[in-house]
Amino acid sequence: MSLDQTFEQALADVKTLTKRPSDAQFLDLYAYFKQATEGDNNTSKPGMFDMKGQFKWKAWKDKSGLSKDQAKQKYVDLVNGLLQTHK
């Protein structure tokens, strides 16, 4: 399978988890997904009262510099690890 196909499979597989990943794992999933699909975070930082938005924004910003393919691979690797422990 190509990386794009593997990434699409991981997107489907993550929805089959039966145990909830940690908040940090959720943020990594979000950030790798955004980096893989949109590239570097060039959006404005959310306001100080949007704590959830700030955490998500920072997690994505921390992945800046990763290529879309690198982010896809890291997403796939994270999902595969979660499938082993959260299924």
N, C-alpha and C. Protein backbone atom coordinates (compact mmCIF):
# COMPACT_ATOMS: atom_id res chain seq x y z
N MET A 1 0.83 -1.19 0.00
CA MET A 1 0.00 0.00 0.00
C MET A 1 0.88 1.25 0.00
N SER A 2 0.39 2.28 -0.66
CA SER A 2 1.11 3.55 -0.66
C SER A 2 0.89 4.25 0.69
N LEU A 3 1.69 5.27 0.93
CA LEU A 3 1.56 6.02 2.18
C LEU A 3 0.18 6.66 2.27
N ASP A 4 -0.33 7.19 1.16
CA ASP A 4 -1.66 7.81 1.18
C ASP A 4 -2.74 6.79 1.54
N GLN A 5 -2.63 5.58 0.99
CA GLN A 5 -3.61 4.54 1.31
C GLN A 5 -3.49 4.11 2.77
N THR A 6 -2.26 3.99 3.25
CA THR A 6 -2.02 3.61 4.64
C THR A 6 -2.58 4.68 5.58
N PHE A 7 -2.39 5.95 5.22
CA PHE A 7 -2.90 7.07 6.00
C PHE A 7 -4.44 7.02 6.03
N GLU A 8 -5.06 6.79 4.89
CA GLU A 8 -6.52 6.71 4.84
C GLU A 8 -7.02 5.55 5.70
N GLN A 9 -6.30 4.43 5.69
CA GLN A 9 -6.67 3.29 6.52
C GLN A 9 -6.55 3.64 8.00
N ALA A 10 -5.49 4.36 8.35
CA ALA A 10 -5.31 4.78 9.75
C ALA A 10 -6.43 5.72 10.19
N LEU A 11 -6.89 6.59 9.29
CA LEU A 11 -8.01 7.48 9.61
C LEU A 11 -9.26 6.67 9.94
N ALA A 12 -9.47 5.58 9.22
CA ALA A 12 -10.62 4.72 9.49
C ALA A 12 -10.39 3.90 10.77
N ASP A 13 -9.18 3.39 10.92
CA ASP A 13 -8.87 2.53 12.08
C ASP A 13 -9.00 3.26 13.41
N VAL A 14 -8.64 4.54 13.44
CA VAL A 14 -8.67 5.28 14.71
C VAL A 14 -10.10 5.35 15.26
N LYS A 15 -11.07 5.26 14.38
CA LYS A 15 -12.48 5.32 14.81
C LYS A 15 -12.94 4.01 15.43
N THR A 16 -12.12 2.96 15.35
CA THR A 16 -12.51 1.66 15.89
C THR A 16 -11.94 1.41 17.29
N LEU A 17 -11.21 2.38 17.82
CA LEU A 17 -10.63 2.20 19.16
C LEU A 17 -11.74 2.05 20.19
N THR A 18 -11.54 1.14 21.12
CA THR A 18 -12.56 0.93 22.16
C THR A 18 -12.19 1.61 23.47
N LYS A 19 -10.92 1.96 23.64
CA LYS A 19 -10.48 2.70 24.83
C LYS A 19 -10.09 4.11 24.40
N ARG A 20 -10.33 5.05 25.28
CA ARG A 20 -10.04 6.45 24.97
C ARG A 20 -8.55 6.73 25.10
N PRO A 21 -7.93 7.27 24.04
CA PRO A 21 -6.52 7.69 24.15
C PRO A 21 -6.40 8.85 25.14
N SER A 22 -5.18 9.07 25.62
CA SER A 22 -4.93 10.20 26.53
C SER A 22 -5.11 11.52 25.80
N ASP A 23 -5.22 12.59 26.57
CA ASP A 23 -5.33 13.91 25.96
C ASP A 23 -4.13 14.22 25.09
N ALA A 24 -2.94 13.84 25.55
CA ALA A 24 -1.72 14.08 24.77
C ALA A 24 -1.75 13.31 23.46
N GLN A 25 -2.25 12.08 23.50
CA GLN A 25 -2.35 11.29 22.27
C GLN A 25 -3.38 11.90 21.31
N PHE A 26 -4.49 12.38 21.85
CA PHE A 26 -5.48 13.07 21.02
C PHE A 26 -4.87 14.29 20.35
N LEU A 27 -4.11 15.07 21.12
CA LEU A 27 -3.49 16.26 20.55
C LEU A 27 -2.49 15.88 19.45
N ASP A 28 -1.73 14.81 19.67
CA ASP A 28 -0.79 14.37 18.64
C ASP A 28 -1.53 13.90 17.39
N LEU A 29 -2.61 13.15 17.57
CA LEU A 29 -3.40 12.73 16.41
C LEU A 29 -3.89 13.95 15.63
N TYR A 30 -4.43 14.92 16.35
CA TYR A 30 -4.92 16.14 15.71
C TYR A 30 -3.80 16.86 14.97
N ALA A 31 -2.68 17.05 15.65
CA ALA A 31 -1.58 17.83 15.08
C ALA A 31 -0.97 17.14 13.86
N TYR A 32 -0.76 15.83 13.94
CA TYR A 32 -0.22 15.11 12.78
C TYR A 32 -1.20 15.14 11.62
N PHE A 33 -2.50 15.01 11.91
CA PHE A 33 -3.51 15.08 10.86
C PHE A 33 -3.48 16.45 10.17
N LYS A 34 -3.47 17.51 10.97
CA LYS A 34 -3.45 18.86 10.40
C LYS A 34 -2.18 19.10 9.59
N GLN A 35 -1.04 18.65 10.12
CA GLN A 35 0.24 18.84 9.42
C GLN A 35 0.23 18.04 8.12
N ALA A 36 -0.34 16.85 8.15
CA ALA A 36 -0.38 15.98 6.96
C ALA A 36 -1.31 16.51 5.88
N THR A 37 -2.38 17.16 6.30
CA THR A 37 -3.38 17.61 5.32
C THR A 37 -3.25 19.08 4.93
N GLU A 38 -2.71 19.91 5.83
CA GLU A 38 -2.63 21.35 5.55
C GLU A 38 -1.22 21.92 5.57
N GLY A 39 -0.27 21.20 6.15
CA GLY A 39 1.09 21.71 6.25
C GLY A 39 1.26 22.54 7.51
N ASP A 40 2.29 23.38 7.52
CA ASP A 40 2.61 24.18 8.70
C ASP A 40 1.45 25.07 9.14
N ASN A 41 1.34 25.26 10.45
CA ASN A 41 0.30 26.08 11.05
C ASN A 41 0.64 27.55 10.86
N ASN A 42 -0.13 28.22 10.02
CA ASN A 42 0.05 29.66 9.80
C ASN A 42 -1.18 30.43 10.24
N THR A 43 -1.98 29.84 11.12
CA THR A 43 -3.20 30.48 11.60
C THR A 43 -2.90 31.33 12.83
N SER A 44 -3.83 32.21 13.13
CA SER A 44 -3.70 33.06 14.32
C SER A 44 -3.94 32.22 15.57
N LYS A 45 -3.21 32.55 16.63
CA LYS A 45 -3.37 31.84 17.90
C LYS A 45 -4.74 32.19 18.48
N PRO A 46 -5.48 31.18 18.97
CA PRO A 46 -6.79 31.45 19.58
C PRO A 46 -6.66 32.36 20.80
N GLY A 47 -7.76 32.99 21.16
CA GLY A 47 -7.79 33.89 22.31
C GLY A 47 -7.53 33.16 23.61
N MET A 48 -7.21 33.93 24.64
CA MET A 48 -6.81 33.34 25.91
C MET A 48 -7.94 32.58 26.62
N PHE A 49 -9.18 32.83 26.26
CA PHE A 49 -10.29 32.12 26.88
C PHE A 49 -10.64 30.83 26.15
N ASP A 50 -10.01 30.60 25.01
CA ASP A 50 -10.22 29.36 24.24
C ASP A 50 -9.07 28.40 24.55
N MET A 51 -9.13 27.80 25.73
CA MET A 51 -8.03 26.93 26.17
C MET A 51 -7.87 25.71 25.27
N LYS A 52 -8.98 25.07 24.91
CA LYS A 52 -8.92 23.90 24.03
C LYS A 52 -8.29 24.28 22.69
N GLY A 53 -8.73 25.40 22.13
CA GLY A 53 -8.18 25.87 20.87
C GLY A 53 -6.70 26.17 20.98
N GLN A 54 -6.26 26.72 22.11
CA GLN A 54 -4.84 27.01 22.30
C GLN A 54 -4.01 25.74 22.35
N PHE A 55 -4.50 24.72 23.06
CA PHE A 55 -3.76 23.45 23.11
C PHE A 55 -3.64 22.83 21.73
N LYS A 56 -4.74 22.85 20.98
CA LYS A 56 -4.72 22.28 19.63
C LYS A 56 -3.78 23.08 18.73
N TRP A 57 -3.87 24.41 18.82
CA TRP A 57 -3.03 25.27 17.99
C TRP A 57 -1.55 25.01 18.29
N LYS A 58 -1.20 24.93 19.59
CA LYS A 58 0.20 24.71 19.97
C LYS A 58 0.69 23.34 19.52
N ALA A 59 -0.15 22.31 19.68
CA ALA A 59 0.25 20.96 19.26
C ALA A 59 0.57 20.94 17.77
N TRP A 60 -0.27 21.61 16.97
CA TRP A 60 -0.04 21.66 15.52
C TRP A 60 1.19 22.51 15.22
N LYS A 61 1.32 23.65 15.88
CA LYS A 61 2.47 24.54 15.66
C LYS A 61 3.78 23.81 15.97
N ASP A 62 3.78 22.95 16.99
CA ASP A 62 4.98 22.19 17.36
C ASP A 62 5.42 21.21 16.27
N LYS A 63 4.52 20.87 15.37
CA LYS A 63 4.85 19.93 14.28
C LYS A 63 5.36 20.67 13.04
N SER A 64 5.47 21.98 13.10
CA SER A 64 5.94 22.76 11.96
C SER A 64 7.29 22.24 11.49
N GLY A 65 7.46 22.22 10.18
CA GLY A 65 8.72 21.75 9.61
C GLY A 65 8.64 20.31 9.13
N LEU A 66 7.68 19.53 9.65
CA LEU A 66 7.51 18.17 9.15
C LEU A 66 6.86 18.24 7.77
N SER A 67 7.33 17.42 6.86
CA SER A 67 6.68 17.37 5.55
C SER A 67 5.33 16.66 5.72
N LYS A 68 4.47 16.81 4.73
CA LYS A 68 3.17 16.15 4.80
C LYS A 68 3.34 14.63 4.88
N ASP A 69 4.29 14.09 4.14
CA ASP A 69 4.53 12.64 4.18
C ASP A 69 5.07 12.19 5.53
N GLN A 70 5.96 12.98 6.12
CA GLN A 70 6.47 12.62 7.46
C GLN A 70 5.34 12.63 8.48
N ALA A 71 4.47 13.63 8.39
CA ALA A 71 3.34 13.72 9.33
C ALA A 71 2.37 12.56 9.13
N LYS A 72 2.14 12.19 7.87
CA LYS A 72 1.27 11.03 7.60
C LYS A 72 1.86 9.77 8.23
N GLN A 73 3.16 9.57 8.07
CA GLN A 73 3.79 8.38 8.63
C GLN A 73 3.72 8.38 10.15
N LYS A 74 3.94 9.53 10.76
CA LYS A 74 3.86 9.61 12.22
C LYS A 74 2.44 9.37 12.71
N TYR A 75 1.45 9.84 11.97
CA TYR A 75 0.05 9.58 12.31
C TYR A 75 -0.23 8.08 12.25
N VAL A 76 0.21 7.44 11.16
CA VAL A 76 0.02 6.00 10.98
C VAL A 76 0.69 5.24 12.11
N ASP A 77 1.92 5.61 12.44
CA ASP A 77 2.65 4.93 13.52
C ASP A 77 1.91 5.08 14.85
N LEU A 78 1.41 6.28 15.14
CA LEU A 78 0.68 6.52 16.38
C LEU A 78 -0.60 5.68 16.43
N VAL A 79 -1.34 5.66 15.34
CA VAL A 79 -2.58 4.87 15.30
C VAL A 79 -2.27 3.39 15.47
N ASN A 80 -1.23 2.90 14.81
CA ASN A 80 -0.86 1.49 14.95
C ASN A 80 -0.52 1.15 16.40
N GLY A 81 0.17 2.04 17.07
CA GLY A 81 0.47 1.83 18.49
C GLY A 81 -0.79 1.83 19.33
N LEU A 82 -1.70 2.73 19.04
CA LEU A 82 -2.95 2.80 19.79
C LEU A 82 -3.81 1.55 19.55
N LEU A 83 -3.77 1.03 18.34
CA LEU A 83 -4.52 -0.19 18.04
C LEU A 83 -4.04 -1.37 18.89
N GLN A 84 -2.75 -1.35 19.21
CA GLN A 84 -2.21 -2.43 20.03
C GLN A 84 -2.64 -2.32 21.50
N THR A 85 -2.84 -1.10 21.97
CA THR A 85 -3.12 -0.90 23.40
C THR A 85 -4.54 -0.45 23.71
N HIS A 86 -5.27 0.02 22.72
CA HIS A 86 -6.59 0.61 22.99
C HIS A 86 -7.72 -0.10 22.24
N LYS A 87 -7.51 -1.31 21.82
CA LYS A 87 -8.55 -2.02 21.07
C LYS A 87 -9.23 -3.04 21.95
